[in-house]
């Protein structure tokens, strides 16, 4: 619609400047040092929603970080869309690998570099600006609600309770999320599902204090060595997860479904260049895209023990630690997988060490039926602005709250992401292409227009 394009063209610099204001706030949810910054970010989100034209905007405290809620009511007979996003961000470590201050946004070569640029401040802010656009052009075709949380990066610890307590306030016909990626603006795609997550921390204890490796080495158990041996047994020779019961109930996609997902273009050599690996790795019998979309996985996210400073210190460590996450697919329950993983790790341990496994957070997988009106609306919206039919994909990441929305609110979630695979999420030098940001603001109103039409059909 020309009125939308004209409004974006007239205000695009302000849209970018306002996003930069959000990105300057270090809203790191996992570190209590930044608690006040998280609160400050929630208040700024509230301010922008008010300026965009929301009728009701409120910051709700929780037992953790606050939730920002907003609504814009047009008419009772119209469908209601609930927009979900998060304003919290990942830590910036290792800071030495950033080419600038991660909380001082840098715009270069048509990209904005900052922590949270793509995950998820830039993406949820597209919806705030789209609300402003539709309000000012008097073209809002649905009722809109927003729920923007501050704990997604730590597992949305208190959001399920919040949704349960406010289920009437959050009542909607669909949830709309932009916290995923597409292949490109030239080849749009839609994630029709995301994987679940089971995340644990393992602690292995040998002696009750650090020992001299010369005096005691070879005679007492070294927890670092034992932990590495245990981790090495978590995959078999075909790179399948080697935990009894792990694959019980895992959905096996039909040849037709796999062929549909394979429509998405994939360049193996480009993938290797982007990741910096010499070759790919993964479960035998599946393509790279299938390994990161339709198959469950287990990865070591961190491992540490003993002396890691400069130079030498001949110590035999008392403890060794690892953080391990499993990405889950439909029909895998994150609590059950956490229990299976914990039990298996403890069973592997020799009697010479003590092992503790602590569950950190998790969530269940989610898949949107492609015949759902929201999927059709999203596909039509992308074709309207990008000129090409999007292909369906399964996302490799996790958005645990989507399964909660389905369970508590009884509604499906559609993913309309404008990030790219090379956005360096959770890594140094995170970025978001400005063309994607602005195109997202243009596309979102089309989604609402087509969703309203699809719901009438």
Protein backbone atom coordinates (compact mmCIF):
# COMPACT_ATOMS: atom_id res chain seq x y z
CA UNK A 1 0.00 0.00 0.00
CA UNK A 2 1.46 3.33 -1.08
CA UNK A 3 0.40 5.11 2.11
CA UNK A 4 2.47 2.65 4.15
CA UNK A 5 5.49 2.99 1.90
CA UNK A 6 5.26 6.79 1.99
CA UNK A 7 5.05 6.82 5.80
CA UNK A 8 8.09 4.56 6.15
CA UNK A 9 10.07 6.68 3.68
CA UNK A 10 9.22 9.86 5.58
CA UNK A 11 10.11 8.44 9.01
CA UNK A 12 12.74 5.77 8.39
CA UNK A 13 15.62 7.73 9.97
CA UNK A 14 13.58 8.22 13.13
CA UNK A 15 12.68 4.53 13.12
CA UNK A 16 16.40 3.73 13.05
CA UNK A 17 17.28 6.33 15.70
CA UNK A 18 14.62 5.02 18.07
CA UNK A 19 15.85 1.45 17.64
CA UNK A 20 19.35 2.69 18.50
CA UNK A 21 17.97 4.14 21.73
CA UNK A 22 16.67 0.70 22.71
CA UNK A 23 19.95 -0.96 21.74
CA UNK A 24 21.97 1.37 23.96
CA UNK A 25 20.36 -0.11 27.07
CA UNK A 26 22.31 -3.19 28.31
CA UNK A 27 19.22 -5.23 29.21
CA UNK A 28 21.13 -8.45 30.01
CA UNK A 29 18.59 -10.56 31.88
CA UNK A 30 20.91 -13.30 33.14
CA UNK A 31 23.20 -10.93 35.09
CA UNK A 32 21.75 -9.24 38.19
CA UNK A 33 24.24 -6.40 37.70
CA UNK A 34 22.00 -5.16 34.89
CA UNK A 35 18.68 -5.39 36.74
CA UNK A 36 18.08 -1.64 36.67
CA UNK A 37 18.93 -1.52 32.96
CA UNK A 38 16.37 -4.23 32.26
CA UNK A 39 13.75 -2.19 34.11
CA UNK A 40 14.80 0.95 32.22
CA UNK A 41 14.44 -0.88 28.92
CA UNK A 42 10.92 -2.03 29.82
CA UNK A 43 9.94 1.57 30.53
CA UNK A 44 11.30 2.73 27.19
CA UNK A 45 9.36 -0.02 25.40
CA UNK A 46 6.26 1.23 27.19
CA UNK A 47 6.98 4.77 26.04
CA UNK A 48 7.35 3.75 22.40
CA UNK A 49 4.13 1.70 22.48
CA UNK A 50 2.26 4.70 23.85
CA UNK A 51 3.70 6.94 21.15
CA UNK A 52 2.75 4.35 18.49
CA UNK A 53 -0.92 4.67 19.41
CA UNK A 54 -1.69 1.86 21.84
CA UNK A 55 -4.81 2.52 23.97
CA UNK A 56 -3.52 0.69 27.03
CA UNK A 57 0.13 0.22 27.99
CA UNK A 58 1.33 -1.21 31.30
CA UNK A 59 4.54 -2.58 32.77
CA UNK A 60 3.71 -5.61 34.92
CA UNK A 61 6.19 -6.69 37.59
CA UNK A 62 6.90 -10.40 37.95
CA UNK A 63 9.01 -12.44 40.32
CA UNK A 64 11.81 -11.74 37.83
CA UNK A 65 11.97 -9.09 35.12
CA UNK A 66 8.89 -7.10 34.06
CA UNK A 67 6.48 -7.76 31.20
CA UNK A 68 5.26 -4.92 28.98
CA UNK A 69 1.64 -5.25 27.85
CA UNK A 70 -0.20 -3.04 25.36
CA UNK A 71 -3.43 -3.15 23.39
CA UNK A 72 -5.16 -1.29 20.57
CA UNK A 73 -8.85 -2.09 20.16
CA UNK A 74 -10.54 -1.27 16.85
CA UNK A 75 -13.81 -3.21 16.80
CA UNK A 76 -15.32 -6.23 18.56
CA UNK A 77 -16.04 -8.06 15.31
CA UNK A 78 -12.41 -7.98 14.16
CA UNK A 79 -9.89 -10.73 14.93
CA UNK A 80 -7.26 -10.09 17.58
CA UNK A 81 -3.53 -10.61 17.06
CA UNK A 82 -1.20 -10.95 20.05
CA UNK A 83 2.36 -9.83 19.24
CA UNK A 84 5.09 -11.47 21.33
CA UNK A 85 8.70 -10.36 21.64
CA UNK A 86 11.47 -9.84 24.19
CA UNK A 87 13.58 -6.84 25.12
CA UNK A 88 16.23 -8.73 27.11
CA UNK A 89 19.52 -9.67 25.45
CA UNK A 90 22.37 -12.13 25.78
CA UNK A 91 25.65 -11.29 27.55
CA UNK A 92 28.33 -9.83 25.27
CA UNK A 93 31.22 -12.16 26.17
CA UNK A 94 33.81 -12.49 24.76
CA UNK A 95 33.98 -8.69 24.64
CA UNK A 96 37.43 -8.77 23.02
CA UNK A 97 35.93 -10.14 19.79
CA UNK A 98 33.57 -7.21 19.27
CA UNK A 99 34.84 -4.59 16.85
CA UNK A 100 33.04 -1.85 18.80
CA UNK A 101 31.10 -1.26 22.04
CA UNK A 102 28.17 -3.73 21.79
CA UNK A 103 25.83 -1.19 23.41
CA UNK A 104 26.87 1.71 21.19
CA UNK A 105 25.10 0.83 17.91
CA UNK A 106 27.31 1.03 14.84
CA UNK A 107 25.73 1.50 11.41
CA UNK A 108 27.95 0.33 8.60
CA UNK A 109 27.33 -1.05 5.10
CA UNK A 110 23.56 -0.97 5.57
CA UNK A 111 23.66 -2.93 8.82
CA UNK A 112 23.22 -2.01 12.45
CA UNK A 113 25.67 -3.74 14.80
CA UNK A 114 24.77 -4.06 18.49
CA UNK A 115 23.79 -6.66 21.03
CA UNK A 116 20.07 -7.29 20.57
CA UNK A 117 19.95 -5.78 17.07
CA UNK A 118 18.32 -8.90 15.61
CA UNK A 119 17.54 -10.88 18.78
CA UNK A 120 15.09 -9.45 19.47
CA UNK A 121 14.94 -5.68 19.86
CA UNK A 122 15.13 -4.90 16.16
CA UNK A 123 12.57 -7.52 15.29
CA UNK A 124 9.92 -6.79 17.92
CA UNK A 125 10.37 -3.06 17.33
CA UNK A 126 9.23 -3.59 13.73
CA UNK A 127 5.81 -4.37 15.19
CA UNK A 128 5.80 -1.21 17.31
CA UNK A 129 6.59 0.89 14.25
CA UNK A 130 4.02 -1.02 12.19
CA UNK A 131 1.40 -0.14 14.81
CA UNK A 132 2.41 3.51 14.53
CA UNK A 133 2.20 3.33 10.74
CA UNK A 134 -1.28 1.77 10.74
CA UNK A 135 -2.55 4.10 13.47
CA UNK A 136 -1.40 7.24 11.68
CA UNK A 137 -2.74 6.07 8.30
CA UNK A 138 -5.97 4.80 9.93
CA UNK A 139 -5.55 1.37 8.33
CA UNK A 140 -5.39 -1.00 11.30
CA UNK A 141 -7.57 -4.00 10.24
CA UNK A 142 -7.37 -6.04 13.48
CA UNK A 143 -7.30 -5.60 17.22
CA UNK A 144 -3.71 -5.69 18.46
CA UNK A 145 -2.18 -6.79 21.74
CA UNK A 146 1.49 -6.86 22.72
CA UNK A 147 3.35 -8.90 25.29
CA UNK A 148 7.05 -7.98 25.37
CA UNK A 149 8.99 -9.80 28.09
CA UNK A 150 12.38 -9.45 29.73
CA UNK A 151 13.33 -13.07 30.43
CA UNK A 152 13.36 -14.90 27.09
CA UNK A 153 17.14 -15.32 27.16
CA UNK A 154 16.88 -17.10 30.52
CA UNK A 155 14.04 -19.40 29.58
CA UNK A 156 11.00 -17.13 30.14
CA UNK A 157 11.05 -18.25 33.75
CA UNK A 158 7.96 -16.38 34.91
CA UNK A 159 6.04 -15.81 31.70
CA UNK A 160 3.95 -18.99 31.82
CA UNK A 161 2.65 -17.95 35.24
CA UNK A 162 1.95 -14.45 33.91
CA UNK A 163 0.04 -15.83 30.91
CA UNK A 164 -1.99 -18.12 33.16
CA UNK A 165 -2.86 -15.25 35.52
CA UNK A 166 -3.81 -12.90 32.66
CA UNK A 167 -5.30 -15.32 30.17
CA UNK A 168 -8.46 -13.23 29.71
CA UNK A 169 -6.45 -10.07 29.07
CA UNK A 170 -4.29 -11.93 26.53
CA UNK A 171 -7.15 -13.62 24.69
CA UNK A 172 -6.44 -13.58 20.95
CA UNK A 173 -6.97 -15.47 17.70
CA UNK A 174 -3.27 -15.94 16.95
CA UNK A 175 0.17 -15.05 18.29
CA UNK A 176 2.56 -13.25 15.93
CA UNK A 177 6.31 -13.50 16.57
CA UNK A 178 9.33 -12.00 14.83
CA UNK A 179 12.23 -13.72 16.57
CA UNK A 180 13.32 -16.00 13.73
CA UNK A 181 15.22 -15.74 10.46
CA UNK A 182 14.47 -15.97 6.77
CA UNK A 183 16.75 -17.15 3.99
CA UNK A 184 16.97 -13.68 2.42
CA UNK A 185 14.85 -10.85 1.04
CA UNK A 186 15.42 -12.38 -2.38
CA UNK A 187 14.23 -15.82 -1.20
CA UNK A 188 11.81 -15.35 1.70
CA UNK A 189 11.02 -18.22 4.03
CA UNK A 190 8.79 -18.87 7.03
CA UNK A 191 9.70 -20.99 10.02
CA UNK A 192 6.73 -23.27 10.60
CA UNK A 193 8.22 -24.66 13.79
CA UNK A 194 10.88 -24.25 16.43
CA UNK A 195 12.62 -26.86 18.53
CA UNK A 196 12.26 -27.30 22.26
CA UNK A 197 15.09 -27.06 24.77
CA UNK A 198 16.45 -28.97 27.76
CA UNK A 199 19.45 -27.27 29.38
CA UNK A 200 21.51 -28.62 32.30
CA UNK A 201 24.74 -27.92 34.14
CA UNK A 202 26.94 -30.84 35.18
CA UNK A 203 29.33 -30.74 38.14
CA UNK A 204 31.87 -33.54 38.65
CA UNK A 205 33.82 -33.64 41.92
CA UNK A 206 36.93 -35.73 42.58
CA UNK A 207 39.10 -34.73 45.56
CA UNK A 208 37.73 -32.26 48.08
CA UNK A 209 40.28 -29.62 47.06
CA UNK A 210 42.75 -28.92 44.25
CA UNK A 211 45.85 -31.11 44.42
CA UNK A 212 49.45 -30.99 43.19
CA UNK A 213 49.42 -32.90 39.89
CA UNK A 214 52.90 -34.29 40.48
CA UNK A 215 52.35 -35.52 44.01
CA UNK A 216 48.84 -36.92 43.41
CA UNK A 217 48.44 -37.27 39.62
CA UNK A 218 47.86 -40.85 38.49
CA UNK A 219 46.59 -41.91 41.91
CA UNK A 220 43.38 -39.90 42.37
CA UNK A 221 40.52 -39.30 39.93
CA UNK A 222 40.81 -36.18 37.77
CA UNK A 223 37.27 -34.82 37.30
CA UNK A 224 38.25 -32.92 34.13
CA UNK A 225 39.44 -36.11 32.46
CA UNK A 226 36.42 -38.08 33.62
CA UNK A 227 33.96 -35.41 32.50
CA UNK A 228 35.55 -35.36 29.03
CA UNK A 229 35.29 -39.14 28.82
CA UNK A 230 31.63 -38.99 29.77
CA UNK A 231 30.87 -36.26 27.23
CA UNK A 232 32.62 -38.25 24.50
CA UNK A 233 30.12 -41.08 25.07
CA UNK A 234 27.04 -38.87 24.56
CA UNK A 235 27.11 -39.49 20.78
CA UNK A 236 27.59 -42.75 18.93
CA UNK A 237 29.62 -43.37 15.78
CA UNK A 238 26.75 -42.10 13.59
CA UNK A 239 26.54 -38.90 15.69
CA UNK A 240 23.19 -39.91 17.19
CA UNK A 241 22.53 -38.94 20.78
CA UNK A 242 23.54 -41.94 22.86
CA UNK A 243 21.00 -41.69 25.69
CA UNK A 244 18.47 -44.50 26.24
CA UNK A 245 14.96 -43.33 25.42
CA UNK A 246 16.08 -40.05 23.85
CA UNK A 247 14.41 -40.76 20.50
CA UNK A 248 11.25 -42.37 21.89
CA UNK A 249 8.27 -40.75 20.19
CA UNK A 250 10.36 -38.53 17.90
CA UNK A 251 8.27 -37.66 14.85
CA UNK A 252 9.70 -39.00 11.61
CA UNK A 253 8.71 -36.77 8.72
CA UNK A 254 7.38 -38.39 5.57
CA UNK A 255 9.29 -38.27 2.29
CA UNK A 256 6.77 -35.72 1.03
CA UNK A 257 7.28 -33.44 4.04
CA UNK A 258 11.06 -33.70 3.75
CA UNK A 259 10.83 -32.88 0.05
CA UNK A 260 8.75 -29.78 0.83
CA UNK A 261 11.30 -28.53 3.34
CA UNK A 262 14.09 -29.30 0.86
CA UNK A 263 12.68 -26.69 -1.53
CA UNK A 264 14.65 -24.08 0.40
CA UNK A 265 17.94 -23.36 -1.38
CA UNK A 266 21.07 -24.37 0.50
CA UNK A 267 24.70 -23.74 -0.44
CA UNK A 268 26.99 -26.10 1.47
CA UNK A 269 30.17 -24.22 0.62
CA UNK A 270 28.65 -20.92 1.72
CA UNK A 271 27.47 -22.56 4.94
CA UNK A 272 31.03 -23.71 5.65
CA UNK A 273 32.41 -20.26 4.91
CA UNK A 274 29.86 -18.59 7.19
CA UNK A 275 30.61 -20.95 10.07
CA UNK A 276 34.36 -21.21 9.47
CA UNK A 277 34.36 -25.03 9.53
CA UNK A 278 36.24 -27.35 7.20
CA UNK A 279 33.35 -29.79 6.99
CA UNK A 280 29.90 -30.35 8.44
CA UNK A 281 29.06 -32.80 11.22
CA UNK A 282 25.88 -34.48 12.33
CA UNK A 283 23.46 -37.36 12.42
CA UNK A 284 23.91 -39.85 9.60
CA UNK A 285 21.13 -40.01 7.04
CA UNK A 286 19.98 -36.39 7.27
CA UNK A 287 20.83 -33.21 5.39
CA UNK A 288 22.35 -30.17 7.10
CA UNK A 289 19.01 -28.33 7.12
CA UNK A 290 17.25 -31.40 8.53
CA UNK A 291 19.87 -31.74 11.28
CA UNK A 292 19.20 -28.19 12.43
CA UNK A 293 15.44 -28.25 11.95
CA UNK A 294 13.65 -31.58 12.21
CA UNK A 295 16.11 -33.64 14.30
CA UNK A 296 16.87 -33.45 18.03
CA UNK A 297 20.43 -32.67 19.08
CA UNK A 298 22.76 -32.54 22.06
CA UNK A 299 25.52 -29.94 22.33
CA UNK A 300 28.12 -28.98 24.91
CA UNK A 301 27.75 -25.22 25.40
CA UNK A 302 30.61 -24.77 27.83
CA UNK A 303 33.20 -26.80 29.72
CA UNK A 304 35.70 -25.67 32.34
CA UNK A 305 37.95 -26.95 35.10
CA UNK A 306 41.23 -26.32 36.88
CA UNK A 307 43.67 -23.56 36.00
CA UNK A 308 42.94 -21.59 32.81
CA UNK A 309 45.03 -18.48 33.38
CA UNK A 310 48.22 -17.43 31.66
CA UNK A 311 51.23 -19.70 32.00
CA UNK A 312 51.43 -22.98 33.87
CA UNK A 313 50.03 -24.19 37.16
CA UNK A 314 50.39 -27.91 37.77
CA UNK A 315 47.10 -28.50 39.49
CA UNK A 316 44.84 -31.51 39.60
CA UNK A 317 41.40 -29.87 39.84
CA UNK A 318 38.81 -30.79 42.43
CA UNK A 319 35.89 -30.05 40.13
CA UNK A 320 34.92 -29.94 36.46
CA UNK A 321 31.83 -28.42 34.92
CA UNK A 322 29.88 -28.53 31.68
CA UNK A 323 26.76 -26.86 30.32
CA UNK A 324 24.81 -29.13 27.99
CA UNK A 325 21.72 -28.37 25.94
CA UNK A 326 19.39 -30.57 23.92
CA UNK A 327 17.24 -29.18 21.12
CA UNK A 328 13.97 -31.09 20.91
CA UNK A 329 11.42 -31.88 18.20
CA UNK A 330 7.68 -32.64 18.36
CA UNK A 331 6.64 -35.32 20.87
CA UNK A 332 9.72 -34.79 23.05
CA UNK A 333 8.91 -33.38 26.49
CA UNK A 334 11.66 -31.13 27.87
CA UNK A 335 11.17 -32.29 31.45
CA UNK A 336 11.37 -35.94 30.46
CA UNK A 337 14.49 -35.35 28.35
CA UNK A 338 16.10 -33.45 31.23
CA UNK A 339 15.45 -36.43 33.48
CA UNK A 340 16.82 -38.92 30.92
CA UNK A 341 19.95 -36.82 30.38
CA UNK A 342 20.56 -36.34 34.10
CA UNK A 343 20.10 -40.01 34.89
CA UNK A 344 22.35 -41.11 32.03
CA UNK A 345 25.19 -38.78 33.02
CA UNK A 346 25.06 -39.99 36.62
CA UNK A 347 24.99 -43.64 35.49
CA UNK A 348 28.08 -43.11 33.32
CA UNK A 349 30.15 -41.72 36.17
CA UNK A 350 32.67 -44.03 37.84
CA UNK A 351 32.32 -44.52 41.62
CA UNK A 352 35.49 -42.48 42.21
CA UNK A 353 33.70 -39.16 41.56
CA UNK A 354 30.51 -37.44 42.63
CA UNK A 355 28.19 -36.00 39.99
CA UNK A 356 25.46 -33.39 40.28
CA UNK A 357 23.21 -32.34 37.41
CA UNK A 358 21.22 -29.12 37.71
CA UNK A 359 18.37 -28.29 35.33
CA UNK A 360 18.71 -24.67 34.20
CA UNK A 361 15.73 -24.13 31.90
CA UNK A 362 13.76 -25.66 29.07
CA UNK A 363 10.67 -25.63 26.91
CA UNK A 364 8.73 -27.78 24.49
CA UNK A 365 8.87 -27.69 20.67
CA UNK A 366 6.15 -26.13 18.54
CA UNK A 367 4.92 -26.54 14.93
CA UNK A 368 2.32 -24.42 13.10
CA UNK A 369 0.01 -26.32 10.72
CA UNK A 370 0.59 -24.92 7.24
CA UNK A 371 -3.14 -24.88 6.52
CA UNK A 372 -3.69 -22.39 9.36
CA UNK A 373 -5.07 -18.96 8.31
CA UNK A 374 -2.08 -17.26 9.95
CA UNK A 375 0.41 -19.16 7.81
CA UNK A 376 -1.52 -18.28 4.68
CA UNK A 377 -1.62 -14.63 5.74
CA UNK A 378 2.12 -14.57 6.44
CA UNK A 379 2.90 -16.16 3.07
CA UNK A 380 0.68 -13.65 1.26
CA UNK A 381 2.26 -10.74 3.14
CA UNK A 382 5.80 -11.75 2.20
CA UNK A 383 4.83 -12.23 -1.42
CA UNK A 384 3.17 -8.78 -1.44
CA UNK A 385 6.32 -6.98 -0.31
CA UNK A 386 9.09 -9.24 -1.61
CA UNK A 387 7.44 -10.50 -4.79
CA UNK A 388 8.17 -14.17 -4.21
CA UNK A 389 6.39 -17.07 -2.55
CA UNK A 390 8.13 -17.98 0.73
CA UNK A 391 9.31 -21.52 1.39
CA UNK A 392 8.57 -23.27 4.72
CA UNK A 393 11.40 -24.18 7.08
CA UNK A 394 11.81 -25.65 10.55
CA UNK A 395 13.78 -23.32 12.80
CA UNK A 396 16.68 -24.73 14.77
CA UNK A 397 16.33 -22.43 17.75
CA UNK A 398 13.84 -22.46 20.59
CA UNK A 399 11.04 -20.10 21.64
CA UNK A 400 9.63 -22.05 24.59
CA UNK A 401 6.73 -19.70 25.24
CA UNK A 402 5.02 -20.71 21.96
CA UNK A 403 4.06 -24.09 23.41
CA UNK A 404 2.79 -22.27 26.52
CA UNK A 405 0.60 -19.98 24.40
CA UNK A 406 -0.94 -23.01 22.72
CA UNK A 407 -1.53 -24.81 26.01
CA UNK A 408 -2.89 -21.90 28.07
CA UNK A 409 -4.45 -19.57 25.48
CA UNK A 410 -5.38 -22.29 22.99
CA UNK A 411 -3.97 -20.36 20.02
CA UNK A 412 -1.30 -21.03 17.42
CA UNK A 413 1.80 -18.94 16.78
CA UNK A 414 3.01 -17.75 13.38
CA UNK A 415 6.64 -16.75 12.87
CA UNK A 416 7.31 -13.76 10.64
CA UNK A 417 11.04 -13.31 11.12
CA UNK A 418 13.29 -10.93 9.20
CA UNK A 419 16.63 -11.91 10.69
CA UNK A 420 19.31 -13.69 8.68
CA UNK A 421 21.41 -16.73 9.52
CA UNK A 422 24.57 -14.61 9.55
CA UNK A 423 23.25 -12.13 12.14
CA UNK A 424 25.62 -13.58 14.78
CA UNK A 425 22.92 -14.18 17.37
CA UNK A 426 24.36 -14.76 20.86
CA UNK A 427 27.83 -14.04 19.43
CA UNK A 428 30.11 -11.01 19.04
CA UNK A 429 29.20 -8.45 16.38
CA UNK A 430 25.49 -9.21 16.25
CA UNK A 431 23.82 -7.26 13.44
CA UNK A 432 20.51 -6.61 11.70
CA UNK A 433 20.27 -5.49 8.09
CA UNK A 434 18.45 -2.16 7.87
CA UNK A 435 16.75 -3.27 4.65
CA UNK A 436 15.24 -6.21 6.54
CA UNK A 437 14.20 -3.96 9.43
CA UNK A 438 12.38 -1.52 7.16
CA UNK A 439 10.91 -4.27 4.98
CA UNK A 440 9.57 -5.93 8.12
CA UNK A 441 7.76 -2.73 9.08
CA UNK A 442 6.18 -2.69 5.63
CA UNK A 443 5.24 -6.38 5.63
CA UNK A 444 3.60 -6.62 9.05
CA UNK A 445 0.56 -4.46 8.12
CA UNK A 446 -0.02 -6.75 5.14
CA UNK A 447 -0.06 -9.72 7.52
CA UNK A 448 -2.79 -8.09 9.60
CA UNK A 449 -4.81 -7.21 6.50
CA UNK A 450 -4.58 -10.73 5.08
CA UNK A 451 -5.18 -12.39 8.44
CA UNK A 452 -8.43 -10.45 8.80
CA UNK A 453 -9.41 -11.63 5.30
CA UNK A 454 -8.43 -15.25 5.97
CA UNK A 455 -10.46 -15.32 9.17
CA UNK A 456 -13.55 -14.24 7.23
CA UNK A 457 -13.07 -16.90 4.55
